[in-house]
C-alpha atoms as a PDB file:
ATOM      1  CA  UNK A   1      -1.346  92.186 103.419  1.00  0.00           C
ATOM      2  CA  UNK A   2       1.801  94.294 103.051  1.00  0.00           C
ATOM      3  CA  UNK A   3       0.899  97.830 104.157  1.00  0.00           C
ATOM      4  CA  UNK A   4       3.557 100.545 103.804  1.00  0.00           C
ATOM      5  CA  UNK A   5       3.831 104.299 104.167  1.00  0.00           C
ATOM      6  CA  UNK A   6       5.614 105.745 101.126  1.00  0.00           C
ATOM      7  CA  UNK A   7       6.652 109.195 100.004  1.00  0.00           C
ATOM      8  CA  UNK A   8       4.430 110.820  97.407  1.00  0.00           C
ATOM      9  CA  UNK A   9       6.530 111.565  94.326  1.00  0.00           C
ATOM     10  CA  UNK A  10       6.011 113.344  91.033  1.00  0.00           C
ATOM     11  CA  UNK A  11       5.405 109.913  89.509  1.00  0.00           C
ATOM     12  CA  UNK A  12       2.743 108.918  92.061  1.00  0.00           C
ATOM     13  CA  UNK A  13       1.000 112.177  92.983  1.00  0.00           C
ATOM     14  CA  UNK A  14      -1.842 111.794  90.455  1.00  0.00           C
ATOM     15  CA  UNK A  15      -2.754 108.305  91.624  1.00  0.00           C
ATOM     16  CA  UNK A  16      -2.619 109.428  95.256  1.00  0.00           C
ATOM     17  CA  UNK A  17      -4.788 112.485  94.534  1.00  0.00           C
ATOM     18  CA  UNK A  18      -7.381 110.264  92.851  1.00  0.00           C
ATOM     19  CA  UNK A  19      -8.074 108.407  96.117  1.00  0.00           C
ATOM     20  CA  UNK A  20     -11.424 109.286  97.662  1.00  0.00           C
ATOM     21  CA  UNK A  21     -13.578 108.329 100.592  1.00  0.00           C
ATOM     22  CA  UNK A  22     -17.167 107.092 100.361  1.00  0.00           C
ATOM     23  CA  UNK A  23     -19.769 109.747  99.554  1.00  0.00           C
ATOM     24  CA  UNK A  24     -21.139 109.805 103.119  1.00  0.00           C
ATOM     25  CA  UNK A  25     -17.610 110.438 104.474  1.00  0.00           C
ATOM     26  CA  UNK A  26     -16.778 113.482 102.309  1.00  0.00           C
ATOM     27  CA  UNK A  27     -17.756 116.017 104.969  1.00  0.00           C
ATOM     28  CA  UNK A  28     -15.322 114.404 107.428  1.00  0.00           C
ATOM     29  CA  UNK A  29     -12.016 114.720 105.536  1.00  0.00           C
ATOM     30  CA  UNK A  30     -10.621 117.025 102.837  1.00  0.00           C
ATOM     31  CA  UNK A  31      -9.604 115.653  99.428  1.00  0.00           C
ATOM     32  CA  UNK A  32      -6.008 114.466  99.125  1.00  0.00           C
ATOM     33  CA  UNK A  33      -5.082 117.215  96.641  1.00  0.00           C
ATOM     34  CA  UNK A  34      -6.222 119.899  99.106  1.00  0.00           C
ATOM     35  CA  UNK A  35      -4.283 118.188 101.897  1.00  0.00           C
ATOM     36  CA  UNK A  36      -1.071 118.094  99.843  1.00  0.00           C
ATOM     37  CA  UNK A  37      -1.495 121.745  98.868  1.00  0.00           C
ATOM     38  CA  UNK A  38      -2.052 122.792 102.494  1.00  0.00           C
ATOM     39  CA  UNK A  39       0.929 120.737 103.649  1.00  0.00           C
ATOM     40  CA  UNK A  40       3.242 122.747 101.427  1.00  0.00           C
ATOM     41  CA  UNK A  41       2.427 125.859 103.479  1.00  0.00           C
ATOM     42  CA  UNK A  42       2.985 124.225 106.889  1.00  0.00           C
ATOM     43  CA  UNK A  43       6.754 123.934 107.508  1.00  0.00           C
ATOM     44  CA  UNK A  44       6.540 121.013 109.964  1.00  0.00           C
ATOM     45  CA  UNK A  45       4.118 118.884 107.960  1.00  0.00           C
ATOM     46  CA  UNK A  46       4.903 115.466 106.534  1.00  0.00           C
ATOM     47  CA  UNK A  47       2.684 113.240 104.446  1.00  0.00           C
ATOM     48  CA  UNK A  48       2.783 109.743 103.066  1.00  0.00           C
ATOM     49  CA  UNK A  49       0.764 107.578 100.750  1.00  0.00           C
ATOM     50  CA  UNK A  50      -0.561 104.364 102.213  1.00  0.00           C
ATOM     51  CA  UNK A  51       0.132 101.352 100.009  1.00  0.00           C
ATOM     52  CA  UNK A  52      -1.168  97.807 100.335  1.00  0.00           C
ATOM     53  CA  UNK A  53       0.548  95.188  98.231  1.00  0.00           C
ATOM     54  CA  UNK A  54       2.039  97.862  95.958  1.00  0.00           C
ATOM     55  CA  UNK A  55      -1.277  99.628  95.336  1.00  0.00           C
ATOM     56  CA  UNK A  56      -2.067 103.105  96.701  1.00  0.00           C
ATOM     57  CA  UNK A  57      -4.976 102.827  99.150  1.00  0.00           C
ATOM     58  CA  UNK A  58      -4.817 105.908 101.365  1.00  0.00           C
ATOM     59  CA  UNK A  59      -3.124 109.046 102.608  1.00  0.00           C
ATOM     60  CA  UNK A  60      -1.841 110.390 105.938  1.00  0.00           C
ATOM     61  CA  UNK A  61      -0.676 113.907 106.847  1.00  0.00           C
ATOM     62  CA  UNK A  62       0.763 115.091 110.158  1.00  0.00           C
ATOM     63  CA  UNK A  63       2.726 117.993 111.621  1.00  0.00           C
ATOM     64  CA  UNK A  64       4.423 118.935 114.847  1.00  0.00           C
ATOM     65  CA  UNK A  65       1.814 119.790 117.429  1.00  0.00           C
ATOM     66  CA  UNK A  66       1.374 121.567 120.705  1.00  0.00           C
ATOM     67  CA  UNK A  67       2.505 120.760 123.316  1.00  0.00           C
ATOM     68  CA  UNK A  68       6.108 119.990 122.246  1.00  0.00           C
ATOM     69  CA  UNK A  69       6.922 116.371 121.373  1.00  0.00           C
ATOM     70  CA  UNK A  70       3.386 115.809 120.075  1.00  0.00           C
ATOM     71  CA  UNK A  71       2.427 114.911 116.535  1.00  0.00           C
ATOM     72  CA  UNK A  72      -0.808 116.338 115.195  1.00  0.00           C
ATOM     73  CA  UNK A  73      -2.575 113.897 112.869  1.00  0.00           C
ATOM     74  CA  UNK A  74      -4.004 116.407 110.424  1.00  0.00           C
ATOM     75  CA  UNK A  75      -5.520 114.139 107.761  1.00  0.00           C
ATOM     76  CA  UNK A  76      -6.053 110.425 107.364  1.00  0.00           C
ATOM     77  CA  UNK A  77      -8.080 108.582 104.787  1.00  0.00           C
ATOM     78  CA  UNK A  78      -8.433 105.201 103.098  1.00  0.00           C
ATOM     79  CA  UNK A  79      -9.981 105.028  99.651  1.00  0.00           C
ATOM     80  CA  UNK A  80     -13.574 103.820  99.573  1.00  0.00           C
ATOM     81  CA  UNK A  81     -12.638 100.711  97.551  1.00  0.00           C
ATOM     82  CA  UNK A  82     -10.102  99.669 100.171  1.00  0.00           C
ATOM     83  CA  UNK A  83     -11.969 100.277 103.424  1.00  0.00           C
ATOM     84  CA  UNK A  84     -12.789  97.409 105.746  1.00  0.00           C
ATOM     85  CA  UNK A  85      -9.646  95.448 104.856  1.00  0.00           C
ATOM     86  CA  UNK A  86      -7.477  96.400 107.839  1.00  0.00           C
ATOM     87  CA  UNK A  87      -5.350  98.888 105.900  1.00  0.00           C
ATOM     88  CA  UNK A  88      -6.287 101.857 108.105  1.00  0.00           C
ATOM     89  CA  UNK A  89      -5.341 100.105 111.333  1.00  0.00           C
ATOM     90  CA  UNK A  90      -2.078  98.809 109.850  1.00  0.00           C
ATOM     91  CA  UNK A  91      -1.198 102.266 108.496  1.00  0.00           C
ATOM     92  CA  UNK A  92      -1.854 103.897 111.860  1.00  0.00           C
ATOM     93  CA  UNK A  93       0.395 101.358 113.605  1.00  0.00           C
ATOM     94  CA  UNK A  94       3.143 102.212 111.107  1.00  0.00           C
ATOM     95  CA  UNK A  95       2.584 105.915 111.750  1.00  0.00           C
ATOM     96  CA  UNK A  96       2.815 105.367 115.526  1.00  0.00           C
ATOM     97  CA  UNK A  97       6.190 103.675 114.996  1.00  0.00           C
ATOM     98  CA  UNK A  98       7.426 106.464 112.728  1.00  0.00           C
ATOM     99  CA  UNK A  99       6.302 109.173 115.166  1.00  0.00           C
ATOM    100  CA  UNK A 100       8.085 107.478 118.047  1.00  0.00           C
ATOM    101  CA  UNK A 101      11.265 107.315 115.919  1.00  0.00           C
ATOM    102  CA  UNK A 102      10.898 111.054 115.235  1.00  0.00           C
ATOM    103  CA  UNK A 103      10.815 111.728 118.979  1.00  0.00           C
ATOM    104  CA  UNK A 104       7.098 112.302 119.468  1.00  0.00           C
ATOM    105  CA  UNK A 105       5.612 110.902 122.665  1.00  0.00           C
ATOM    106  CA  UNK A 106       1.929 111.577 121.923  1.00  0.00           C
ATOM    107  CA  UNK A 107      -0.415 112.164 119.019  1.00  0.00           C
ATOM    108  CA  UNK A 108      -3.357 114.519 118.887  1.00  0.00           C
ATOM    109  CA  UNK A 109      -6.083 114.584 116.286  1.00  0.00           C
ATOM    110  CA  UNK A 110      -9.586 115.908 115.880  1.00  0.00           C
ATOM    111  CA  UNK A 111     -12.717 114.590 114.222  1.00  0.00           C
ATOM    112  CA  UNK A 112     -15.979 115.958 112.964  1.00  0.00           C
ATOM    113  CA  UNK A 113     -18.738 114.254 114.925  1.00  0.00           C
ATOM    114  CA  UNK A 114     -21.727 112.772 113.138  1.00  0.00           C
ATOM    115  CA  UNK A 115     -23.265 109.578 111.825  1.00  0.00           C
ATOM    116  CA  UNK A 116     -20.205 108.592 109.744  1.00  0.00           C
ATOM    117  CA  UNK A 117     -17.551 110.094 112.015  1.00  0.00           C
ATOM    118  CA  UNK A 118     -14.294 108.143 112.440  1.00  0.00           C
ATOM    119  CA  UNK A 119     -14.490 108.613 116.234  1.00  0.00           C
ATOM    120  CA  UNK A 120     -15.043 104.903 116.922  1.00  0.00           C
ATOM    121  CA  UNK A 121     -12.053 103.938 114.778  1.00  0.00           C
ATOM    122  CA  UNK A 122      -9.730 106.242 116.696  1.00  0.00           C
ATOM    123  CA  UNK A 123     -11.074 105.093 120.059  1.00  0.00           C
ATOM    124  CA  UNK A 124     -10.386 101.487 119.004  1.00  0.00           C
ATOM    125  CA  UNK A 125      -6.731 102.489 118.436  1.00  0.00           C
ATOM    126  CA  UNK A 126      -6.393 103.742 122.005  1.00  0.00           C
ATOM    127  CA  UNK A 127      -7.124 107.425 121.494  1.00  0.00           C
ATOM    128  CA  UNK A 128      -9.043 109.084 124.310  1.00  0.00           C
ATOM    129  CA  UNK A 129     -11.465 111.951 124.109  1.00  0.00           C
ATOM    130  CA  UNK A 130     -10.028 115.206 125.441  1.00  0.00           C
ATOM    131  CA  UNK A 131     -13.490 116.683 126.092  1.00  0.00           C
ATOM    132  CA  UNK A 132     -12.606 119.793 124.136  1.00  0.00           C
ATOM    133  CA  UNK A 133     -13.121 121.131 120.643  1.00  0.00           C
ATOM    134  CA  UNK A 134     -10.872 122.925 118.176  1.00  0.00           C
ATOM    135  CA  UNK A 135     -11.647 126.506 117.123  1.00  0.00           C
ATOM    136  CA  UNK A 136     -13.399 124.927 114.097  1.00  0.00           C
ATOM    137  CA  UNK A 137     -15.648 122.783 116.302  1.00  0.00           C
ATOM    138  CA  UNK A 138     -13.902 119.431 115.809  1.00  0.00           C
ATOM    139  CA  UNK A 139     -13.734 116.980 118.737  1.00  0.00           C
ATOM    140  CA  UNK A 140     -10.157 116.542 120.079  1.00  0.00           C
ATOM    141  CA  UNK A 141      -8.582 113.115 120.709  1.00  0.00           C
ATOM    142  CA  UNK A 142      -5.230 112.190 122.237  1.00  0.00           C
ATOM    143  CA  UNK A 143      -3.028 109.115 122.423  1.00  0.00           C
ATOM    144  CA  UNK A 144       0.222 108.449 124.266  1.00  0.00           C
ATOM    145  CA  UNK A 145       2.767 106.747 122.023  1.00  0.00           C
END
């Protein structure tokens, strides 16, 4: 399984925007098109498409966070047809490497809690619960890189 993080280009944006999570996960992550649109208004944001064996399978968006030297994982998703194949874990490991190379020493993210929350996935990657919520009520997680 060759997982890569690639830039989204004019030639690939439609296929990336067509990726979607399973129906029961829709309340946990925004659609890719919304994420790309929001990223264009956040000066420190960066996003990549997740590819597995030359096929788009997911999307990741991050920005500089607070405190300094922290990356904020803003959005992360793997298409419903490609879940359960190890792509998410492989993509996150690639992101950790990229963030370290960019000078980040920690990553922060937040999740919506509920039956289909990705909390367990993030905990399995070494994130820890910060025991705090965002202003929007999402549960905060942290990981040292």
